[in-house]
Amino acid sequence: MDTMTNAEQKTAWMAVADHIARDVRSGAFVPGMWLKQIDLEQRYGCGRPEVRRALDYLAQKRLVQHVPNRGYHVFLPDGDRTAHILELRVILETAAVGIGCKPVRHLFVGQSLQMSDVAAHSPHSLQKAFVVRPTWQDNG
């Protein structure tokens, strides 16, 4: 009889969790999509216990969400959470411009800093307004 040790079982469900996470991040599983355990078993060539452990782990990481008596679906963040994440990205990326891009023209850095001011007041308008043109494409 073929039995797996505890270490092999742990490795198996972790591999399944990695595969599911990769598929979520790549867009193969879109936010809000229900994940059927039987489909995941077939897709990744594993058993139900590994799929359940993987989904439970990913639910703890907020990549999927468990709905009792329904199953699991890919986590769908609400609008406020998405706006907060976008605001944080603008702050971090603006800071990274100042740290990592020293040879960049002053005009480009000035434009980036102005965008951070816009983001502080209205992150939604920043999504529409923030288009970065690389400085090597600048004609002036």
N, C-alpha and C. Protein backbone atom coordinates (compact mmCIF):
# COMPACT_ATOMS: atom_id res chain seq x y z
N MET A 1 0.84 -1.19 0.00
CA MET A 1 0.00 0.00 0.00
C MET A 1 0.88 1.24 0.00
N ASP A 2 0.52 2.18 -0.83
CA ASP A 2 1.31 3.40 -1.00
C ASP A 2 0.86 4.46 -0.01
N THR A 3 1.69 4.74 0.99
CA THR A 3 1.37 5.78 1.96
C THR A 3 2.48 6.81 1.95
N MET A 4 2.10 8.07 2.20
CA MET A 4 3.08 9.15 2.24
C MET A 4 3.44 9.48 3.68
N THR A 5 4.68 9.86 3.90
CA THR A 5 5.10 10.29 5.23
C THR A 5 4.56 11.69 5.47
N ASN A 6 4.64 12.15 6.72
CA ASN A 6 4.17 13.50 7.05
C ASN A 6 4.92 14.57 6.25
N ALA A 7 6.23 14.37 6.08
CA ALA A 7 7.02 15.34 5.32
C ALA A 7 6.58 15.38 3.86
N GLU A 8 6.29 14.24 3.25
CA GLU A 8 5.84 14.18 1.87
C GLU A 8 4.46 14.82 1.72
N GLN A 9 3.58 14.58 2.71
CA GLN A 9 2.25 15.19 2.66
C GLN A 9 2.35 16.71 2.74
N LYS A 10 3.21 17.18 3.64
CA LYS A 10 3.39 18.63 3.78
C LYS A 10 3.93 19.23 2.49
N THR A 11 4.90 18.56 1.91
CA THR A 11 5.47 19.05 0.66
C THR A 11 4.42 19.05 -0.45
N ALA A 12 3.58 18.02 -0.48
CA ALA A 12 2.57 17.91 -1.54
C ALA A 12 1.56 19.06 -1.46
N TRP A 13 1.00 19.33 -0.29
CA TRP A 13 0.01 20.41 -0.21
C TRP A 13 0.63 21.77 -0.42
N MET A 14 1.90 21.93 -0.02
CA MET A 14 2.58 23.22 -0.25
C MET A 14 2.80 23.45 -1.74
N ALA A 15 3.12 22.37 -2.46
CA ALA A 15 3.30 22.49 -3.91
C ALA A 15 1.98 22.87 -4.57
N VAL A 16 0.88 22.26 -4.12
CA VAL A 16 -0.44 22.59 -4.66
C VAL A 16 -0.76 24.04 -4.36
N ALA A 17 -0.48 24.49 -3.14
CA ALA A 17 -0.73 25.89 -2.78
C ALA A 17 0.08 26.83 -3.68
N ASP A 18 1.32 26.48 -3.96
CA ASP A 18 2.15 27.29 -4.85
C ASP A 18 1.55 27.36 -6.26
N HIS A 19 1.07 26.22 -6.75
CA HIS A 19 0.47 26.19 -8.09
C HIS A 19 -0.80 27.05 -8.15
N ILE A 20 -1.64 26.92 -7.13
CA ILE A 20 -2.88 27.71 -7.11
C ILE A 20 -2.55 29.20 -7.03
N ALA A 21 -1.62 29.55 -6.15
CA ALA A 21 -1.23 30.96 -6.00
C ALA A 21 -0.68 31.51 -7.31
N ARG A 22 0.14 30.73 -8.00
CA ARG A 22 0.69 31.17 -9.28
C ARG A 22 -0.43 31.38 -10.30
N ASP A 23 -1.41 30.48 -10.31
CA ASP A 23 -2.52 30.62 -11.25
C ASP A 23 -3.40 31.82 -10.92
N VAL A 24 -3.56 32.13 -9.64
CA VAL A 24 -4.32 33.32 -9.24
C VAL A 24 -3.59 34.57 -9.71
N ARG A 25 -2.30 34.62 -9.45
CA ARG A 25 -1.52 35.81 -9.81
C ARG A 25 -1.39 36.00 -11.31
N SER A 26 -1.40 34.90 -12.06
CA SER A 26 -1.27 35.00 -13.51
C SER A 26 -2.59 35.35 -14.19
N GLY A 27 -3.70 35.23 -13.44
CA GLY A 27 -5.00 35.54 -14.00
C GLY A 27 -5.76 34.33 -14.50
N ALA A 28 -5.17 33.12 -14.36
CA ALA A 28 -5.90 31.92 -14.76
C ALA A 28 -7.15 31.74 -13.90
N PHE A 29 -7.06 32.13 -12.64
CA PHE A 29 -8.21 32.16 -11.73
C PHE A 29 -8.45 33.62 -11.38
N VAL A 30 -9.54 34.18 -11.83
CA VAL A 30 -9.82 35.60 -11.64
C VAL A 30 -10.52 35.85 -10.30
N PRO A 31 -10.42 37.07 -9.76
CA PRO A 31 -11.10 37.38 -8.50
C PRO A 31 -12.60 37.09 -8.58
N GLY A 32 -13.08 36.41 -7.54
CA GLY A 32 -14.49 36.05 -7.46
C GLY A 32 -14.79 34.66 -8.01
N MET A 33 -13.85 34.06 -8.73
CA MET A 33 -14.07 32.74 -9.34
C MET A 33 -14.10 31.65 -8.27
N TRP A 34 -15.10 30.77 -8.36
CA TRP A 34 -15.21 29.65 -7.43
C TRP A 34 -14.24 28.56 -7.85
N LEU A 35 -13.55 27.99 -6.88
CA LEU A 35 -12.57 26.93 -7.12
C LEU A 35 -13.16 25.60 -6.69
N LYS A 36 -13.40 24.71 -7.63
CA LYS A 36 -13.96 23.40 -7.33
C LYS A 36 -12.81 22.45 -7.01
N GLN A 37 -12.93 21.78 -5.86
CA GLN A 37 -11.85 20.90 -5.43
C GLN A 37 -11.57 19.79 -6.43
N ILE A 38 -12.60 19.22 -7.01
CA ILE A 38 -12.42 18.14 -7.97
C ILE A 38 -11.63 18.62 -9.19
N ASP A 39 -11.91 19.85 -9.64
CA ASP A 39 -11.17 20.42 -10.77
C ASP A 39 -9.71 20.65 -10.41
N LEU A 40 -9.47 21.12 -9.19
CA LEU A 40 -8.09 21.36 -8.75
C LEU A 40 -7.32 20.05 -8.62
N GLU A 41 -7.99 19.00 -8.14
CA GLU A 41 -7.36 17.67 -8.05
C GLU A 41 -6.88 17.23 -9.43
N GLN A 42 -7.75 17.36 -10.41
CA GLN A 42 -7.41 16.94 -11.77
C GLN A 42 -6.34 17.84 -12.38
N ARG A 43 -6.45 19.12 -12.16
CA ARG A 43 -5.50 20.08 -12.75
C ARG A 43 -4.09 19.85 -12.24
N TYR A 44 -3.95 19.59 -10.93
CA TYR A 44 -2.63 19.48 -10.33
C TYR A 44 -2.20 18.04 -10.04
N GLY A 45 -3.06 17.07 -10.36
CA GLY A 45 -2.71 15.67 -10.19
C GLY A 45 -2.45 15.28 -8.75
N CYS A 46 -3.34 15.65 -7.86
CA CYS A 46 -3.18 15.35 -6.43
C CYS A 46 -4.52 14.92 -5.84
N GLY A 47 -4.51 14.61 -4.55
CA GLY A 47 -5.72 14.16 -3.88
C GLY A 47 -6.44 15.29 -3.17
N ARG A 48 -7.64 14.98 -2.70
CA ARG A 48 -8.47 15.96 -2.01
C ARG A 48 -7.81 16.51 -0.73
N PRO A 49 -7.15 15.68 0.09
CA PRO A 49 -6.54 16.24 1.31
C PRO A 49 -5.51 17.33 1.00
N GLU A 50 -4.72 17.13 -0.04
CA GLU A 50 -3.71 18.14 -0.39
C GLU A 50 -4.38 19.43 -0.87
N VAL A 51 -5.44 19.29 -1.66
CA VAL A 51 -6.16 20.46 -2.15
C VAL A 51 -6.78 21.23 -0.98
N ARG A 52 -7.41 20.51 -0.06
CA ARG A 52 -8.04 21.19 1.09
C ARG A 52 -7.01 21.91 1.95
N ARG A 53 -5.89 21.25 2.23
CA ARG A 53 -4.85 21.91 3.04
C ARG A 53 -4.32 23.14 2.32
N ALA A 54 -4.12 23.02 1.01
CA ALA A 54 -3.62 24.15 0.23
C ALA A 54 -4.60 25.31 0.25
N LEU A 55 -5.89 25.01 0.07
CA LEU A 55 -6.90 26.07 0.08
C LEU A 55 -7.03 26.71 1.46
N ASP A 56 -6.96 25.91 2.51
CA ASP A 56 -7.00 26.47 3.87
C ASP A 56 -5.82 27.41 4.10
N TYR A 57 -4.65 26.99 3.65
CA TYR A 57 -3.45 27.82 3.79
C TYR A 57 -3.62 29.14 3.02
N LEU A 58 -4.10 29.04 1.78
CA LEU A 58 -4.27 30.24 0.96
C LEU A 58 -5.38 31.15 1.50
N ALA A 59 -6.36 30.56 2.19
CA ALA A 59 -7.39 31.37 2.84
C ALA A 59 -6.78 32.18 3.98
N GLN A 60 -5.84 31.58 4.71
CA GLN A 60 -5.15 32.31 5.78
C GLN A 60 -4.34 33.47 5.20
N LYS A 61 -3.81 33.28 4.00
CA LYS A 61 -3.01 34.33 3.35
C LYS A 61 -3.87 35.33 2.59
N ARG A 62 -5.20 35.14 2.60
CA ARG A 62 -6.18 36.01 1.95
C ARG A 62 -6.05 36.04 0.43
N LEU A 63 -5.58 34.94 -0.13
CA LEU A 63 -5.55 34.82 -1.58
C LEU A 63 -6.85 34.21 -2.09
N VAL A 64 -7.42 33.32 -1.26
CA VAL A 64 -8.75 32.78 -1.54
C VAL A 64 -9.59 32.99 -0.28
N GLN A 65 -10.89 32.85 -0.45
CA GLN A 65 -11.80 33.02 0.70
C GLN A 65 -12.68 31.79 0.81
N HIS A 66 -12.84 31.28 2.05
CA HIS A 66 -13.68 30.11 2.30
C HIS A 66 -15.07 30.59 2.73
N VAL A 67 -16.08 30.05 2.07
CA VAL A 67 -17.46 30.32 2.42
C VAL A 67 -18.04 29.00 2.91
N PRO A 68 -18.38 28.89 4.21
CA PRO A 68 -18.89 27.63 4.75
C PRO A 68 -20.07 27.09 3.93
N ASN A 69 -20.06 25.81 3.70
CA ASN A 69 -21.08 25.09 2.94
C ASN A 69 -21.16 25.49 1.46
N ARG A 70 -20.21 26.28 0.99
CA ARG A 70 -20.18 26.68 -0.43
C ARG A 70 -18.87 26.30 -1.09
N GLY A 71 -17.78 26.55 -0.40
CA GLY A 71 -16.47 26.25 -0.98
C GLY A 71 -15.53 27.42 -0.89
N TYR A 72 -14.62 27.48 -1.86
CA TYR A 72 -13.58 28.52 -1.88
C TYR A 72 -13.71 29.31 -3.18
N HIS A 73 -13.43 30.59 -3.08
CA HIS A 73 -13.34 31.41 -4.29
C HIS A 73 -12.15 32.34 -4.16
N VAL A 74 -11.68 32.80 -5.30
CA VAL A 74 -10.54 33.72 -5.33
C VAL A 74 -10.96 35.01 -4.65
N PHE A 75 -10.13 35.51 -3.77
CA PHE A 75 -10.43 36.69 -2.97
C PHE A 75 -10.70 37.88 -3.88
N LEU A 76 -11.76 38.59 -3.59
CA LEU A 76 -12.16 39.79 -4.32
C LEU A 76 -12.10 40.97 -3.36
N PRO A 77 -11.03 41.78 -3.42
CA PRO A 77 -10.93 42.90 -2.49
C PRO A 77 -12.00 43.96 -2.77
N ASP A 78 -12.43 44.63 -1.71
CA ASP A 78 -13.43 45.68 -1.88
C ASP A 78 -12.77 46.96 -2.39
N GLY A 79 -13.58 47.91 -2.78
CA GLY A 79 -13.08 49.15 -3.38
C GLY A 79 -12.19 49.95 -2.45
N ASP A 80 -12.54 50.03 -1.17
CA ASP A 80 -11.72 50.79 -0.22
C ASP A 80 -10.34 50.16 -0.07
N ARG A 81 -10.31 48.84 0.02
CA ARG A 81 -9.03 48.14 0.16
C ARG A 81 -8.16 48.36 -1.09
N THR A 82 -8.77 48.29 -2.26
CA THR A 82 -8.04 48.50 -3.50
C THR A 82 -7.50 49.93 -3.57
N ALA A 83 -8.29 50.91 -3.20
CA ALA A 83 -7.84 52.30 -3.20
C ALA A 83 -6.69 52.50 -2.23
N HIS A 84 -6.76 51.85 -1.07
CA HIS A 84 -5.69 51.96 -0.08
C HIS A 84 -4.40 51.34 -0.62
N ILE A 85 -4.50 50.21 -1.28
CA ILE A 85 -3.33 49.55 -1.85
C ILE A 85 -2.71 50.43 -2.93
N LEU A 86 -3.55 51.03 -3.79
CA LEU A 86 -3.04 51.91 -4.83
C LEU A 86 -2.33 53.12 -4.24
N GLU A 87 -2.89 53.67 -3.18
CA GLU A 87 -2.28 54.82 -2.52
C GLU A 87 -0.91 54.45 -1.96
N LEU A 88 -0.82 53.29 -1.32
CA LEU A 88 0.46 52.84 -0.78
C LEU A 88 1.48 52.59 -1.88
N ARG A 89 1.03 52.02 -3.00
CA ARG A 89 1.94 51.78 -4.12
C ARG A 89 2.52 53.09 -4.64
N VAL A 90 1.69 54.11 -4.76
CA VAL A 90 2.16 55.40 -5.25
C VAL A 90 3.22 55.96 -4.31
N ILE A 91 2.97 55.88 -3.02
CA ILE A 91 3.92 56.40 -2.05
C ILE A 91 5.24 55.66 -2.14
N LEU A 92 5.18 54.32 -2.16
CA LEU A 92 6.40 53.51 -2.21
C LEU A 92 7.15 53.67 -3.53
N GLU A 93 6.42 53.69 -4.63
CA GLU A 93 7.08 53.82 -5.92
C GLU A 93 7.68 55.20 -6.11
N THR A 94 7.04 56.22 -5.58
CA THR A 94 7.59 57.58 -5.65
C THR A 94 8.87 57.66 -4.84
N ALA A 95 8.87 57.02 -3.67
CA ALA A 95 10.09 56.99 -2.86
C ALA A 95 11.20 56.23 -3.58
N ALA A 96 10.84 55.15 -4.27
CA ALA A 96 11.83 54.36 -5.00
C ALA A 96 12.46 55.15 -6.14
N VAL A 97 11.69 56.04 -6.76
CA VAL A 97 12.22 56.87 -7.83
C VAL A 97 13.36 57.72 -7.29
N GLY A 98 13.17 58.29 -6.12
CA GLY A 98 14.19 59.14 -5.53
C GLY A 98 15.42 58.37 -5.10
N ILE A 99 15.26 57.13 -4.70
CA ILE A 99 16.38 56.32 -4.21
C ILE A 99 17.13 55.65 -5.35
N GLY A 100 16.40 55.05 -6.28
CA GLY A 100 17.04 54.21 -7.27
C GLY A 100 17.34 54.83 -8.60
N CYS A 101 16.89 56.04 -8.86
CA CYS A 101 17.03 56.63 -10.19
C CYS A 101 17.75 57.97 -10.11
N LYS A 102 18.97 58.00 -9.62
CA LYS A 102 19.69 59.26 -9.46
C LYS A 102 20.03 59.95 -10.77
N PRO A 103 20.35 59.24 -11.87
CA PRO A 103 20.69 59.97 -13.09
C PRO A 103 19.49 60.48 -13.88
N VAL A 104 18.32 60.33 -13.37
CA VAL A 104 17.11 60.76 -14.08
C VAL A 104 17.04 62.29 -14.06
N ARG A 105 16.49 62.84 -15.11
CA ARG A 105 16.37 64.30 -15.20
C ARG A 105 15.52 64.85 -14.05
N HIS A 106 15.81 66.06 -13.65
CA HIS A 106 15.08 66.71 -12.56
C HIS A 106 13.60 66.88 -12.91
N LEU A 107 13.29 67.16 -14.17
CA LEU A 107 11.90 67.34 -14.58
C LEU A 107 11.09 66.09 -14.31
N PHE A 108 11.64 64.92 -14.63
CA PHE A 108 10.92 63.66 -14.43
C PHE A 108 10.68 63.42 -12.95
N VAL A 109 11.68 63.64 -12.10
CA VAL A 109 11.52 63.47 -10.66
C VAL A 109 10.49 64.46 -10.13
N GLY A 110 10.53 65.70 -10.63
CA GLY A 110 9.55 66.70 -10.22
C GLY A 110 8.15 66.29 -10.58
N GLN A 111 7.97 65.72 -11.77
CA GLN A 111 6.65 65.25 -12.18
C GLN A 111 6.19 64.12 -11.26
N SER A 112 7.11 63.22 -10.89
CA SER A 112 6.75 62.10 -10.01
C SER A 112 6.33 62.61 -8.64
N LEU A 113 7.04 63.61 -8.13
CA LEU A 113 6.69 64.15 -6.82
C LEU A 113 5.34 64.85 -6.89
N GLN A 114 5.04 65.55 -7.98
CA GLN A 114 3.73 66.17 -8.13
C GLN A 114 2.64 65.11 -8.13
N MET A 115 2.89 63.98 -8.75
CA MET A 115 1.92 62.90 -8.79
C MET A 115 1.66 62.34 -7.39
N SER A 116 2.71 62.33 -6.55
CA SER A 116 2.49 61.84 -5.18
C SER A 116 1.58 62.78 -4.42
N ASP A 117 1.67 64.09 -4.70
CA ASP A 117 0.75 65.05 -4.08
C ASP A 117 -0.67 64.81 -4.55
N VAL A 118 -0.84 64.52 -5.84
CA VAL A 118 -2.16 64.23 -6.38
C VAL A 118 -2.71 62.98 -5.71
N ALA A 119 -1.86 61.96 -5.57
CA ALA A 119 -2.31 60.68 -4.98
C ALA A 119 -2.74 60.86 -3.54
N ALA A 120 -2.07 61.75 -2.83
CA ALA A 120 -2.42 61.95 -1.43
C ALA A 120 -3.84 62.49 -1.28
N HIS A 121 -4.28 63.27 -2.29
CA HIS A 121 -5.61 63.85 -2.21
C HIS A 121 -6.68 63.01 -2.89
N SER A 122 -6.31 62.33 -3.98
CA SER A 122 -7.31 61.57 -4.73
C SER A 122 -6.64 60.44 -5.51
N PRO A 123 -6.50 59.26 -4.88
CA PRO A 123 -5.84 58.16 -5.58
C PRO A 123 -6.58 57.71 -6.84
N HIS A 124 -7.89 57.91 -6.91
CA HIS A 124 -8.64 57.49 -8.09
C HIS A 124 -8.28 58.34 -9.30
N SER A 125 -8.06 59.64 -9.09
CA SER A 125 -7.69 60.49 -10.21
C SER A 125 -6.27 60.17 -10.68
N LEU A 126 -5.46 59.64 -9.78
CA LEU A 126 -4.10 59.30 -10.13
C LEU A 126 -4.07 58.14 -11.13
N GLN A 127 -4.99 57.21 -11.00
CA GLN A 127 -5.04 56.09 -11.93
C GLN A 127 -5.21 56.59 -13.35
N LYS A 128 -6.01 57.61 -13.55
CA LYS A 128 -6.27 58.14 -14.88
C LYS A 128 -5.14 59.06 -15.35
N ALA A 129 -4.51 59.78 -14.41
CA ALA A 129 -3.56 60.82 -14.79
C ALA A 129 -2.13 60.33 -14.87
N PHE A 130 -1.77 59.26 -14.22
CA PHE A 130 -0.36 58.86 -14.07
C PHE A 130 0.07 58.01 -15.25
N VAL A 131 0.68 58.64 -16.20
CA VAL A 131 1.27 57.93 -17.33
C VAL A 131 2.71 58.37 -17.39
N VAL A 132 3.62 57.42 -17.25
CA VAL A 132 5.04 57.74 -17.22
C VAL A 132 5.64 57.45 -18.59
N ARG A 133 6.31 58.45 -19.14
CA ARG A 133 7.05 58.26 -20.38
C ARG A 133 8.52 58.18 -20.02
N PRO A 134 9.20 57.09 -20.41
CA PRO A 134 10.63 56.99 -20.08
C PRO A 134 11.39 58.18 -20.63
N THR A 135 12.40 58.63 -19.89
CA THR A 135 13.14 59.84 -20.28
C THR A 135 13.93 59.64 -21.55
N TRP A 136 14.29 58.41 -21.91
CA TRP A 136 15.04 58.20 -23.14
C TRP A 136 14.17 58.42 -24.37
N GLN A 137 12.83 58.53 -24.19
CA GLN A 137 11.94 58.82 -25.30
C GLN A 137 11.62 60.31 -25.38
N ASP A 138 12.20 61.08 -24.48
CA ASP A 138 11.95 62.52 -24.46
C ASP A 138 12.68 63.19 -25.62
N ASN A 139 11.97 64.00 -26.37
CA ASN A 139 12.58 64.66 -27.52
C ASN A 139 13.30 65.94 -27.15
N GLY A 140 13.07 66.41 -25.93
CA GLY A 140 13.62 67.71 -25.56
C GLY A 140 14.75 67.67 -24.71
